[in-house]
C-alpha cells in the first residue's frame, strides 16, 4: 500500500475534517494533472498502454475523491 493510501485510510478512519479537506485538495490536483497529461498524450501520440494506465489511475483517484466527499458530508 502506498504512503498516500495509508494516509487516506488513516484519515477516513479518524474522521479529521481538516485533514480530509487537505487530502481532497491533493486528490483534486492529481486528478487535474492527470487530465492534462492525458490530453497531452493524445496530441503527442502516447501509446495505448500508457494512456490506459493514466486513465485507470485517474479513475482510481476519482473514486477516492468521491469517498472523501461522502465522508465529509457525514461529519
N, C-alpha and C. Protein backbone atom coordinates (compact mmCIF):
# COMPACT_ATOMS: atom_id res chain seq x y z
N UNK A 1 0.86 -1.17 0.00
CA UNK A 1 0.00 0.00 0.00
C UNK A 1 0.90 1.24 0.00
N UNK A 2 0.61 2.19 -0.87
CA UNK A 2 1.42 3.39 -0.96
C UNK A 2 1.19 4.28 0.26
N UNK A 3 2.13 5.20 0.47
CA UNK A 3 2.02 6.12 1.61
C UNK A 3 0.75 6.95 1.53
N UNK A 4 0.40 7.40 0.31
CA UNK A 4 -0.83 8.17 0.14
C UNK A 4 -2.06 7.39 0.56
N UNK A 5 -2.09 6.11 0.18
CA UNK A 5 -3.23 5.26 0.56
C UNK A 5 -3.28 5.08 2.06
N UNK A 6 -2.10 4.91 2.70
CA UNK A 6 -2.07 4.74 4.15
C UNK A 6 -2.62 5.98 4.84
N UNK A 7 -2.20 7.14 4.39
CA UNK A 7 -2.69 8.40 4.97
C UNK A 7 -4.19 8.51 4.75
N UNK A 8 -4.64 8.18 3.54
CA UNK A 8 -6.05 8.26 3.20
C UNK A 8 -6.89 7.40 4.15
N UNK A 9 -6.52 6.14 4.31
CA UNK A 9 -7.32 5.26 5.16
C UNK A 9 -7.24 5.69 6.62
N UNK A 10 -6.10 6.18 7.06
CA UNK A 10 -5.96 6.69 8.42
C UNK A 10 -6.91 7.87 8.63
N UNK A 11 -6.92 8.79 7.67
CA UNK A 11 -7.80 9.96 7.78
C UNK A 11 -9.26 9.58 7.74
N UNK A 12 -9.64 8.65 6.90
CA UNK A 12 -11.03 8.22 6.86
C UNK A 12 -11.44 7.58 8.17
N UNK A 13 -10.57 6.79 8.72
CA UNK A 13 -10.88 6.10 9.96
C UNK A 13 -11.04 7.08 11.11
N UNK A 14 -10.17 8.08 11.18
CA UNK A 14 -10.21 9.03 12.29
C UNK A 14 -11.20 10.16 12.06
N UNK A 15 -11.56 10.41 10.81
CA UNK A 15 -12.57 11.40 10.52
C UNK A 15 -12.17 12.83 10.82
N UNK A 16 -10.88 13.16 10.71
CA UNK A 16 -10.40 14.52 10.94
C UNK A 16 -10.76 15.38 9.73
N UNK A 17 -11.66 16.33 9.93
CA UNK A 17 -12.20 17.11 8.81
C UNK A 17 -11.14 17.93 8.10
N UNK A 18 -10.26 18.60 8.83
CA UNK A 18 -9.26 19.44 8.17
C UNK A 18 -8.28 18.60 7.36
N UNK A 19 -7.90 17.44 7.87
CA UNK A 19 -7.01 16.56 7.12
C UNK A 19 -7.71 16.01 5.89
N UNK A 20 -8.99 15.68 6.02
CA UNK A 20 -9.75 15.19 4.88
C UNK A 20 -9.87 16.27 3.80
N UNK A 21 -10.09 17.50 4.22
CA UNK A 21 -10.18 18.61 3.26
C UNK A 21 -8.86 18.78 2.52
N UNK A 22 -7.76 18.72 3.25
CA UNK A 22 -6.44 18.85 2.64
C UNK A 22 -6.19 17.71 1.66
N UNK A 23 -6.52 16.51 2.08
CA UNK A 23 -6.32 15.35 1.22
C UNK A 23 -7.19 15.45 -0.03
N UNK A 24 -8.40 15.95 0.13
CA UNK A 24 -9.30 16.12 -1.00
C UNK A 24 -8.70 17.08 -2.03
N UNK A 25 -8.10 18.15 -1.57
CA UNK A 25 -7.44 19.10 -2.48
C UNK A 25 -6.28 18.45 -3.21
N UNK A 26 -5.51 17.64 -2.50
CA UNK A 26 -4.39 16.93 -3.13
C UNK A 26 -4.92 16.00 -4.22
N UNK A 27 -5.98 15.27 -3.91
CA UNK A 27 -6.58 14.36 -4.89
C UNK A 27 -7.09 15.11 -6.11
N UNK A 28 -7.75 16.23 -5.87
CA UNK A 28 -8.28 17.01 -6.99
C UNK A 28 -7.15 17.54 -7.87
N UNK A 29 -6.06 17.95 -7.27
CA UNK A 29 -4.91 18.44 -8.04
C UNK A 29 -4.30 17.30 -8.87
N UNK A 30 -4.15 16.13 -8.26
CA UNK A 30 -3.63 14.97 -9.00
C UNK A 30 -4.55 14.62 -10.16
N UNK A 31 -5.86 14.71 -9.94
CA UNK A 31 -6.85 14.41 -10.97
C UNK A 31 -6.71 15.40 -12.14
N UNK A 32 -6.57 16.70 -11.82
CA UNK A 32 -6.39 17.72 -12.86
C UNK A 32 -5.09 17.49 -13.64
N UNK A 33 -4.02 17.16 -12.91
CA UNK A 33 -2.74 16.90 -13.57
C UNK A 33 -2.83 15.73 -14.54
N UNK A 34 -3.49 14.67 -14.10
CA UNK A 34 -3.65 13.52 -14.99
C UNK A 34 -4.50 13.87 -16.20
N UNK A 35 -5.51 14.67 -15.99
CA UNK A 35 -6.35 15.12 -17.09
C UNK A 35 -5.50 15.84 -18.15
N UNK A 36 -4.62 16.72 -17.68
CA UNK A 36 -3.73 17.44 -18.60
C UNK A 36 -2.78 16.48 -19.31
N UNK A 37 -2.20 15.55 -18.55
CA UNK A 37 -1.27 14.59 -19.15
C UNK A 37 -1.96 13.71 -20.19
N UNK A 38 -3.20 13.34 -19.92
CA UNK A 38 -3.95 12.52 -20.88
C UNK A 38 -4.21 13.33 -22.15
N UNK A 39 -4.60 14.58 -22.00
CA UNK A 39 -4.84 15.44 -23.16
C UNK A 39 -3.56 15.60 -23.98
N UNK A 40 -2.45 15.80 -23.28
CA UNK A 40 -1.16 15.92 -23.97
C UNK A 40 -0.79 14.61 -24.64
N UNK A 41 -1.14 13.51 -24.01
CA UNK A 41 -0.83 12.19 -24.57
C UNK A 41 -1.49 11.98 -25.92
N UNK A 42 -2.71 12.49 -26.06
CA UNK A 42 -3.39 12.36 -27.35
C UNK A 42 -2.65 13.14 -28.43
N UNK A 43 -2.21 14.35 -28.10
CA UNK A 43 -1.55 15.18 -29.11
C UNK A 43 -0.11 14.76 -29.36
N UNK A 44 0.48 13.99 -28.44
CA UNK A 44 1.85 13.52 -28.62
C UNK A 44 1.90 12.03 -28.97
N UNK A 45 0.77 11.48 -29.30
CA UNK A 45 0.69 10.09 -29.76
C UNK A 45 1.29 9.10 -28.75
N UNK A 46 0.91 9.25 -27.50
CA UNK A 46 1.33 8.32 -26.47
C UNK A 46 0.76 6.95 -26.77
N UNK A 47 1.45 5.90 -26.37
CA UNK A 47 0.98 4.54 -26.65
C UNK A 47 -0.35 4.27 -25.94
N UNK A 48 -1.09 3.33 -26.48
CA UNK A 48 -2.37 2.95 -25.87
C UNK A 48 -2.16 2.46 -24.44
N UNK A 49 -1.09 1.71 -24.24
CA UNK A 49 -0.81 1.18 -22.90
C UNK A 49 -0.56 2.33 -21.91
N UNK A 50 0.19 3.33 -22.33
CA UNK A 50 0.46 4.47 -21.47
C UNK A 50 -0.80 5.26 -21.16
N UNK A 51 -1.63 5.45 -22.19
CA UNK A 51 -2.89 6.17 -22.00
C UNK A 51 -3.81 5.40 -21.05
N UNK A 52 -3.88 4.10 -21.25
CA UNK A 52 -4.75 3.27 -20.42
C UNK A 52 -4.32 3.33 -18.96
N UNK A 53 -3.02 3.30 -18.72
CA UNK A 53 -2.51 3.37 -17.35
C UNK A 53 -2.93 4.68 -16.69
N UNK A 54 -2.78 5.79 -17.40
CA UNK A 54 -3.16 7.08 -16.84
C UNK A 54 -4.67 7.16 -16.61
N UNK A 55 -5.46 6.61 -17.52
CA UNK A 55 -6.91 6.65 -17.36
C UNK A 55 -7.36 5.82 -16.16
N UNK A 56 -6.72 4.66 -15.94
CA UNK A 56 -7.06 3.85 -14.77
C UNK A 56 -6.69 4.58 -13.49
N UNK A 57 -5.52 5.23 -13.49
CA UNK A 57 -5.09 5.99 -12.32
C UNK A 57 -6.06 7.14 -12.05
N UNK A 58 -6.48 7.82 -13.11
CA UNK A 58 -7.42 8.94 -12.97
C UNK A 58 -8.76 8.44 -12.39
N UNK A 59 -9.23 7.29 -12.86
CA UNK A 59 -10.48 6.72 -12.36
C UNK A 59 -10.35 6.34 -10.88
N UNK A 60 -9.19 5.80 -10.49
CA UNK A 60 -8.97 5.43 -9.09
C UNK A 60 -8.97 6.67 -8.21
N UNK A 61 -8.34 7.74 -8.68
CA UNK A 61 -8.32 8.99 -7.93
C UNK A 61 -9.73 9.55 -7.81
N UNK A 62 -10.51 9.45 -8.88
CA UNK A 62 -11.90 9.94 -8.84
C UNK A 62 -12.70 9.18 -7.79
N UNK A 63 -12.49 7.87 -7.71
CA UNK A 63 -13.19 7.07 -6.69
C UNK A 63 -12.80 7.54 -5.28
N UNK A 64 -11.51 7.83 -5.08
CA UNK A 64 -11.07 8.33 -3.78
C UNK A 64 -11.70 9.68 -3.46
N UNK A 65 -11.79 10.54 -4.47
CA UNK A 65 -12.41 11.85 -4.28
C UNK A 65 -13.85 11.68 -3.81
N UNK A 66 -14.58 10.81 -4.45
CA UNK A 66 -15.98 10.57 -4.08
C UNK A 66 -16.07 10.03 -2.65
N UNK A 67 -15.17 9.10 -2.28
CA UNK A 67 -15.18 8.54 -0.93
C UNK A 67 -14.93 9.63 0.11
N UNK A 68 -13.95 10.48 -0.15
CA UNK A 68 -13.63 11.54 0.80
C UNK A 68 -14.79 12.53 0.90
N UNK A 69 -15.38 12.89 -0.23
CA UNK A 69 -16.52 13.81 -0.22
C UNK A 69 -17.68 13.23 0.58
N UNK A 70 -17.93 11.95 0.42
CA UNK A 70 -19.00 11.29 1.18
C UNK A 70 -18.70 11.31 2.67
N UNK A 71 -17.46 11.04 3.01
CA UNK A 71 -17.06 11.05 4.42
C UNK A 71 -17.25 12.46 5.00
N UNK A 72 -16.86 13.48 4.25
CA UNK A 72 -17.01 14.86 4.72
C UNK A 72 -18.47 15.25 4.91
N UNK A 73 -19.34 14.74 4.07
CA UNK A 73 -20.77 15.03 4.21
C UNK A 73 -21.33 14.46 5.52
N UNK A 74 -20.75 13.35 5.96
CA UNK A 74 -21.23 12.70 7.17
C UNK A 74 -20.73 13.37 8.45
N UNK A 75 -19.70 14.20 8.31
CA UNK A 75 -19.13 14.85 9.51
C UNK A 75 -19.99 16.01 9.97
